[in-house]
Amino acid sequence: MLRPLVSIVTPVYKDAEFLAECIESVLAQTYTNWNYVIVDNCSTDGSLAIAQKFAVKDARIRIVSNEQCLPIIANHNHAIRQISSESKYCKVVFADDWLLPTCIEELVGAAERHLSIGVVGAYSMDGQAVLWAGPPHPCYRAPGYEVCRRTLLAGTYVFGTMTSLLVRSDLIRKRARFFNERNLHADLEACFDLLQESDFAFVHQVLSCCRARPQSNTSSAIDFESIILGNFVTLVKYGPIFLNGDEYSKRYRQLRWDYYRVLARNVFRIRPSMFWRYHRDTLAAFDEPLDWRLVAAALIPEIGCYLTHPIQSIGRVSRWWSRAFNRSKENGFARSQG
């Protein structure tokens, strides 16, 4: 009996250093009924040539070369739209990540155990530690509604990245735009959308590996403090759907204050205007204004922490200001060269 077809997708942008390892991990899968589309977003580092070399050797690999460079989330939308119309499942693997040999086999096996399952997750590794917080073993399937509730209330993160997930293809096809291009953490938002109409399964194994590197989506998330922002706007959008009024109000106050404490900390880091513009515009996309009064209020406990631990604070602030000064010099040099 022929097993379900899986469409594998890799969006690529200047990933020549890691792309071959990523593709080889797909070729090494024990599950063999797949097709693979690699979408190159106008790379200038040889990524396209690497992908083409593999496509010549394996007819299951197809290359799409963008005519113009797209923003990161827009390119992810473009890439995931390339899945086969005959596929039952979609497996994204980012170009700087890789899959363990049994990854697709284990994920598909879990998905096939129940018709209601729309998303399957698993543990991943970053080279040093196991990532994500899966449901307690031996539970493999949970109602999507309950998974979303627990995520919003407790902040536990079971989804990982798209590299660690398998998604039912029909749920992708029915959406004109799979990822919200205004949200750097659009994968989290997509999971909440999918789990309104499907269940979540989890394989208690490490099935993929990821790496953080400069200019990657993960590094940008850390630099822009977008992780807590993503959690906050996800609560704003989905809290009223999955939580009752009291639960939502309590969690909203708590998470909003945590978020503004992070913003207050970044006041001392002398962040550039693009940092504040990113937070303002992302909040606005969810009808949530950036409240400078709350930033000011959150500065008070931050100042108290600095005064309580003056030596550590002086060292930390000195490092932040040195980086800000270096950024300013680099930007000034770039403008003078332009």
Protein backbone atom coordinates (compact mmCIF):
# COMPACT_ATOMS: atom_id res chain seq x y z
CA MET A 1 0.00 0.00 0.00
CA LEU A 2 1.41 3.39 -1.04
CA ARG A 3 1.92 5.69 1.91
CA PRO A 4 0.64 9.32 1.88
CA LEU A 5 2.57 11.82 -0.22
CA VAL A 6 4.47 14.44 1.78
CA SER A 7 5.45 17.76 0.21
CA ILE A 8 8.69 19.04 1.72
CA VAL A 9 9.44 22.76 1.42
CA THR A 10 12.65 24.71 2.02
CA PRO A 11 12.73 28.51 1.62
CA VAL A 12 16.31 29.65 0.94
CA TYR A 13 18.07 32.99 1.23
CA LYS A 14 21.88 33.05 1.26
CA ASP A 15 22.11 29.66 2.98
CA ALA A 16 25.00 28.18 0.98
CA GLU A 17 26.94 27.28 4.12
CA PHE A 18 24.25 24.89 5.38
CA LEU A 19 21.97 24.06 2.45
CA ALA A 20 23.72 20.87 1.32
CA GLU A 21 23.45 19.40 4.83
CA CYS A 22 19.74 20.28 4.88
CA ILE A 23 19.04 18.64 1.50
CA GLU A 24 21.10 15.56 2.37
CA SER A 25 19.02 15.10 5.52
CA VAL A 26 15.89 15.00 3.35
CA LEU A 27 17.46 12.48 0.97
CA ALA A 28 18.37 10.30 3.98
CA GLN A 29 14.77 9.97 5.19
CA THR A 30 13.51 6.44 5.81
CA TYR A 31 10.13 7.66 4.50
CA THR A 32 10.45 7.82 0.71
CA ASN A 33 7.09 8.96 -0.70
CA TRP A 34 7.83 12.67 -0.85
CA ASN A 35 8.48 15.48 -3.27
CA TYR A 36 10.69 18.42 -2.42
CA VAL A 37 10.52 22.04 -3.53
CA ILE A 38 13.38 24.41 -2.76
CA VAL A 39 12.48 28.09 -3.17
CA ASP A 40 15.49 30.39 -3.64
CA ASN A 41 14.81 34.01 -2.72
CA CYS A 42 17.39 35.69 -5.02
CA SER A 43 20.42 34.40 -3.11
CA THR A 44 23.81 35.73 -4.22
CA ASP A 45 26.03 33.24 -2.40
CA GLY A 46 25.72 30.11 -4.54
CA SER A 47 22.66 28.65 -2.79
CA LEU A 48 20.78 28.23 -6.07
CA ALA A 49 23.65 26.33 -7.69
CA ILE A 50 23.82 23.96 -4.71
CA ALA A 51 20.09 23.24 -4.93
CA GLN A 52 20.27 22.72 -8.70
CA LYS A 53 23.11 20.21 -8.29
CA PHE A 54 20.90 18.03 -6.09
CA ALA A 55 17.84 18.46 -8.35
CA VAL A 56 19.78 17.02 -11.30
CA LYS A 57 20.40 13.85 -9.31
CA ASP A 58 16.89 13.32 -7.88
CA ALA A 59 13.71 13.93 -9.89
CA ARG A 60 11.69 14.41 -6.68
CA ILE A 61 13.45 17.75 -6.11
CA ARG A 62 12.09 20.86 -7.83
CA ILE A 63 13.69 24.31 -7.74
CA VAL A 64 11.76 27.60 -7.75
CA SER A 65 13.84 30.75 -8.24
CA ASN A 66 12.10 33.98 -7.25
CA GLU A 67 12.14 36.81 -9.77
CA GLN A 68 12.42 39.37 -6.97
CA CYS A 69 13.57 39.17 -3.37
CA LEU A 70 10.65 38.87 -0.95
CA PRO A 71 10.52 39.76 2.76
CA ILE A 72 11.13 36.71 4.95
CA ILE A 73 7.52 35.87 5.90
CA ALA A 74 6.23 36.70 2.43
CA ASN A 75 8.77 34.27 1.02
CA HIS A 76 7.62 31.60 3.46
CA ASN A 77 4.07 32.11 2.17
CA HIS A 78 5.30 31.87 -1.42
CA ALA A 79 7.26 28.71 -0.60
CA ILE A 80 4.47 26.86 1.18
CA ARG A 81 2.09 27.58 -1.71
CA GLN A 82 4.33 25.36 -3.87
CA ILE A 83 3.21 22.11 -2.20
CA SER A 84 1.85 19.39 -4.46
CA SER A 85 -1.91 19.31 -5.01
CA GLU A 86 -1.69 15.55 -4.38
CA SER A 87 0.13 15.77 -1.05
CA LYS A 88 -1.59 14.80 2.18
CA TYR A 89 1.02 16.39 4.43
CA CYS A 90 3.47 19.28 4.29
CA LYS A 91 6.88 19.28 5.95
CA VAL A 92 8.84 22.52 6.10
CA VAL A 93 12.56 22.35 6.81
CA PHE A 94 14.45 25.62 6.96
CA ALA A 95 17.70 25.75 5.03
CA ASP A 96 19.94 26.07 8.09
CA ASP A 97 18.19 23.16 9.87
CA TRP A 98 18.21 19.43 9.21
CA LEU A 99 16.06 16.38 9.84
CA LEU A 100 16.99 13.13 11.56
CA PRO A 101 16.49 10.09 9.30
CA THR A 102 13.20 8.89 10.84
CA CYS A 103 11.66 12.37 11.16
CA ILE A 104 9.01 12.21 8.44
CA GLU A 105 8.20 8.56 9.10
CA GLU A 106 7.52 9.20 12.78
CA LEU A 107 5.50 12.39 12.15
CA VAL A 108 3.35 10.81 9.44
CA GLY A 109 2.83 7.72 11.62
CA ALA A 110 1.45 9.92 14.40
CA ALA A 111 -0.75 11.91 12.00
CA GLU A 112 -2.24 8.75 10.50
CA ARG A 113 -3.42 7.45 13.87
CA HIS A 114 -6.47 9.75 13.95
CA LEU A 115 -8.38 11.68 11.29
CA SER A 116 -8.76 14.77 13.49
CA ILE A 117 -5.02 15.47 13.68
CA GLY A 118 -3.94 18.51 11.69
CA VAL A 119 -0.57 19.36 13.23
CA VAL A 120 2.14 17.05 14.58
CA GLY A 121 5.12 18.23 16.62
CA ALA A 122 8.26 16.69 18.10
CA TYR A 123 11.33 17.64 20.06
CA SER A 124 14.24 19.34 18.34
CA MET A 125 17.83 20.13 19.33
CA ASP A 126 19.96 23.23 18.92
CA GLY A 127 23.23 21.33 19.18
CA GLN A 128 23.34 21.57 22.96
CA ALA A 129 19.89 21.05 24.42
CA VAL A 130 16.51 19.51 23.67
CA LEU A 131 13.96 22.17 22.70
CA TRP A 132 10.24 22.64 23.33
CA ALA A 133 7.96 21.34 26.05
CA GLY A 134 5.91 18.44 24.79
CA PRO A 135 2.80 17.10 26.52
CA PRO A 136 3.43 14.48 29.23
CA HIS A 137 4.33 11.04 27.88
CA PRO A 138 2.61 8.79 26.81
CA CYS A 139 -0.06 11.24 25.58
CA TYR A 140 0.30 11.57 21.80
CA ARG A 141 -2.90 13.44 20.84
CA ALA A 142 -4.65 16.40 22.45
CA PRO A 143 -7.66 18.46 21.34
CA GLY A 144 -6.48 21.57 19.52
CA TYR A 145 -8.71 23.75 21.69
CA GLU A 146 -7.08 22.51 24.91
CA VAL A 147 -3.54 22.84 23.54
CA CYS A 148 -4.20 26.47 22.66
CA ARG A 149 -5.74 27.17 26.05
CA ARG A 150 -2.75 25.72 27.90
CA THR A 151 -0.33 27.65 25.71
CA LEU A 152 -2.10 30.94 26.39
CA LEU A 153 -2.55 30.37 30.13
CA ALA A 154 0.74 28.73 31.08
CA GLY A 155 3.05 30.01 28.34
CA THR A 156 4.36 26.50 27.63
CA TYR A 157 5.55 26.18 24.06
CA VAL A 158 4.88 22.84 22.37
CA PHE A 159 4.93 23.86 18.70
CA GLY A 160 8.60 24.61 18.09
CA THR A 161 9.37 25.95 14.61
CA MET A 162 8.02 24.85 11.25
CA THR A 163 11.05 22.55 10.93
CA SER A 164 9.75 20.50 13.87
CA LEU A 165 6.14 20.32 12.62
CA LEU A 166 4.12 18.33 10.10
CA VAL A 167 0.91 19.97 8.81
CA ARG A 168 -2.01 18.46 6.92
CA SER A 169 -1.92 19.88 3.41
CA ASP A 170 -5.66 20.48 3.05
CA LEU A 171 -5.47 22.93 5.98
CA ILE A 172 -2.79 24.86 4.09
CA ARG A 173 -4.61 24.88 0.76
CA LYS A 174 -7.82 26.33 2.21
CA ARG A 175 -5.95 29.46 3.41
CA ALA A 176 -5.14 32.16 0.86
CA ARG A 177 -2.25 33.30 3.06
CA PHE A 178 -0.89 30.75 5.50
CA PHE A 179 1.40 33.08 7.48
CA ASN A 180 0.55 36.55 8.77
CA GLU A 181 3.24 38.66 7.11
CA ARG A 182 2.97 41.38 9.77
CA ASN A 183 4.14 39.02 12.51
CA LEU A 184 7.71 37.71 12.76
CA HIS A 185 6.29 34.78 14.78
CA ALA A 186 3.68 33.93 12.20
CA ASP A 187 4.24 30.19 12.73
CA LEU A 188 2.78 30.45 16.24
CA GLU A 189 -0.22 32.33 14.90
CA ALA A 190 -0.67 29.73 12.15
CA CYS A 191 -0.76 26.92 14.73
CA PHE A 192 -3.56 28.67 16.63
CA ASP A 193 -5.50 29.05 13.38
CA LEU A 194 -5.08 25.38 12.45
CA LEU A 195 -5.97 24.07 15.89
CA GLN A 196 -9.33 25.79 15.87
CA GLU A 197 -10.42 23.03 13.50
CA SER A 198 -8.04 20.14 14.19
CA ASP A 199 -6.15 18.30 16.92
CA PHE A 200 -2.48 18.29 17.86
CA ALA A 201 -0.24 15.24 18.05
CA PHE A 202 3.25 14.99 19.51
CA VAL A 203 6.06 12.50 19.01
CA HIS A 204 8.26 12.22 22.09
CA GLN A 205 11.50 12.00 20.14
CA VAL A 206 14.15 14.41 18.87
CA LEU A 207 13.48 14.44 15.12
CA SER A 208 15.16 17.63 13.89
CA CYS A 209 18.02 19.99 14.64
CA CYS A 210 18.21 23.75 14.27
CA ARG A 211 20.93 26.35 14.57
CA ALA A 212 20.79 30.03 15.44
CA ARG A 213 23.09 32.23 13.38
CA PRO A 214 23.52 35.93 12.63
CA GLN A 215 20.76 37.35 10.39
CA SER A 216 18.58 34.25 10.88
CA ASN A 217 14.94 34.59 11.88
CA THR A 218 15.81 33.33 15.38
CA SER A 219 18.62 35.85 15.80
CA SER A 220 16.37 38.66 14.60
CA ALA A 221 13.73 37.55 17.10
CA ILE A 222 16.24 37.80 19.93
CA ASP A 223 17.65 41.13 18.79
CA PHE A 224 14.23 42.72 18.37
CA GLU A 225 12.75 41.19 21.55
CA SER A 226 10.00 39.83 19.35
CA ILE A 227 9.41 36.58 21.22
CA ILE A 228 7.51 38.20 24.07
CA LEU A 229 5.87 40.55 21.58
CA GLY A 230 4.71 37.54 19.56
CA ASN A 231 3.30 35.91 22.69
CA PHE A 232 1.48 39.11 23.64
CA VAL A 233 -0.16 39.73 20.25
CA THR A 234 -1.10 36.04 20.04
CA LEU A 235 -2.92 36.44 23.36
CA VAL A 236 -4.62 39.61 22.09
CA LYS A 237 -5.86 37.83 18.97
CA TYR A 238 -6.72 34.39 20.32
CA GLY A 239 -7.35 34.93 24.03
CA PRO A 240 -10.99 35.94 23.45
CA ILE A 241 -11.48 32.74 21.42
CA PHE A 242 -9.91 30.17 23.75
CA LEU A 243 -10.24 31.76 27.21
CA ASN A 244 -13.20 32.93 29.26
CA GLY A 245 -13.48 36.60 30.23
CA ASP A 246 -11.78 36.33 33.63
CA GLU A 247 -8.97 34.13 32.32
CA TYR A 248 -8.29 36.50 29.46
CA SER A 249 -8.33 39.66 31.59
CA LYS A 250 -5.93 38.20 34.15
CA ARG A 251 -3.52 36.82 31.58
CA TYR A 252 -3.70 40.00 29.50
CA ARG A 253 -2.69 42.21 32.45
CA GLN A 254 0.13 39.89 33.43
CA LEU A 255 1.62 39.42 29.96
CA ARG A 256 1.20 43.08 29.00
CA TRP A 257 3.15 44.12 32.11
CA ASP A 258 5.89 41.56 31.38
CA TYR A 259 6.10 42.90 27.84
CA TYR A 260 6.38 46.53 28.94
CA ARG A 261 9.08 45.58 31.45
CA VAL A 262 11.07 44.26 28.48
CA LEU A 263 10.45 47.48 26.55
CA ALA A 264 11.56 49.54 29.56
CA ARG A 265 14.79 47.55 29.74
CA ASN A 266 15.42 48.40 26.11
CA VAL A 267 15.14 52.12 26.83
CA PHE A 268 18.46 51.80 28.65
CA ARG A 269 19.92 49.91 25.70
CA ILE A 270 19.45 52.99 23.46
CA ARG A 271 17.63 51.07 20.78
CA PRO A 272 17.49 52.56 17.25
CA SER A 273 14.26 53.95 15.86
CA MET A 274 13.66 50.81 13.77
CA PHE A 275 13.35 48.77 17.00
CA TRP A 276 10.57 50.98 18.33
CA ARG A 277 8.93 51.25 14.90
CA TYR A 278 8.83 47.44 14.65
CA HIS A 279 7.05 47.13 18.02
CA ARG A 280 4.68 50.01 17.27
CA ASP A 281 3.70 48.64 13.84
CA THR A 282 3.30 45.04 15.02
CA LEU A 283 1.07 46.09 17.91
CA ALA A 284 -0.96 48.32 15.59
CA ALA A 285 -1.57 45.36 13.26
CA PHE A 286 -3.44 43.74 16.17
CA ASP A 287 -5.25 46.97 17.16
CA GLU A 288 -3.08 47.29 20.26
CA PRO A 289 -1.40 50.73 20.63
CA LEU A 290 2.12 51.15 21.99
CA ASP A 291 1.44 52.85 25.35
CA TRP A 292 4.35 55.09 26.35
CA ARG A 293 2.75 55.66 29.75
CA LEU A 294 3.20 51.97 30.49
CA VAL A 295 6.80 52.14 29.26
CA ALA A 296 7.38 54.98 31.73
CA ALA A 297 5.67 53.07 34.54
CA ALA A 298 7.78 49.98 33.83
CA LEU A 299 10.95 52.07 34.03
CA ILE A 300 10.45 52.52 37.78
CA PRO A 301 11.02 48.87 38.82
CA GLU A 302 13.81 48.58 36.26
CA ILE A 303 15.62 51.53 37.83
CA GLY A 304 15.07 49.92 41.22
CA CYS A 305 16.77 46.73 40.02
CA TYR A 306 19.75 48.74 38.75
CA LEU A 307 20.10 50.57 42.05
CA THR A 308 19.88 47.33 44.02
CA HIS A 309 22.68 45.73 41.98
CA PRO A 310 24.82 48.72 40.91
CA ILE A 311 28.03 46.91 39.94
CA GLN A 312 26.36 44.37 37.68
CA SER A 313 24.11 47.09 36.25
CA ILE A 314 27.02 49.39 35.38
CA GLY A 315 28.74 46.57 33.49
CA ARG A 316 25.58 45.62 31.65
CA VAL A 317 24.68 49.19 30.69
CA SER A 318 28.26 49.87 29.58
CA ARG A 319 28.10 46.92 27.18
CA TRP A 320 24.74 48.06 25.82
CA TRP A 321 25.91 51.62 25.28
CA SER A 322 29.13 50.46 23.63
CA ARG A 323 27.11 48.39 21.16
CA ALA A 324 24.75 51.31 20.52
CA PHE A 325 27.73 53.61 19.87
CA ASN A 326 29.26 51.09 17.45
CA ARG A 327 25.95 50.73 15.62
CA SER A 328 25.73 54.49 15.33
CA LYS A 329 29.23 54.69 13.86
CA GLU A 330 28.50 51.90 11.38
CA ASN A 331 25.27 53.55 10.26
CA GLY A 332 27.02 56.90 9.89
CA PHE A 333 29.76 55.32 7.79
CA ALA A 334 27.17 53.54 5.60
CA ARG A 335 25.33 56.82 5.00
CA SER A 336 28.57 58.61 4.09
CA GLN A 337 29.39 55.88 1.57
CA GLY A 338 25.92 56.03 0.05
